[in-house]
Amino acid sequence: MAIITKTIYVSDVSGDQVEEKDLARAEVTWKGRSYNLALTKDEYKRVEEYLDDLVQEAEVDEPQVSVTRRSRAASSSGSGLSSEELAQCRAWLQEQGEKVADRGRIAADLIKKWTDAGKPEARG
């Protein structure tokens, strides 16, 4: 048995079917959300002309690049857990009878066991 899948493109403006060769995409951000519009080439040209006129005098919002410094302990663990969380995890696992060293790496399956239990704190 063969399965044939056909993709039908539809304009987001007119609702008309559009051949792939005549399809134009426009990415628009409005009110903090990004949209990917499927348009005919003529619709795209009209939208482009309208937006070009609209934003001609608008202020450009350049993306801000931020750098966050993380503590050495948090960034070097590889588990994504803070040093405090790792200490809680280690203590709880030891209470559960798991063989976990007082220092060093904790196996991923043991960390998962702790997180699956809801990240409980050790009683001791």
Foldseek 3Di string as FASTA:
>chain_A
DDDDDDDWDAFPVPRHTDDPVQWDWDWDADPRDIDIGIHGPVVVVVVVVVVCVVCVPPDDDDDDDDDDDDDPQCVPQVPNDHPVLVQQLQQQCVVVVDDDDPDDHDDPVSVVVCVVVVSDGHPD
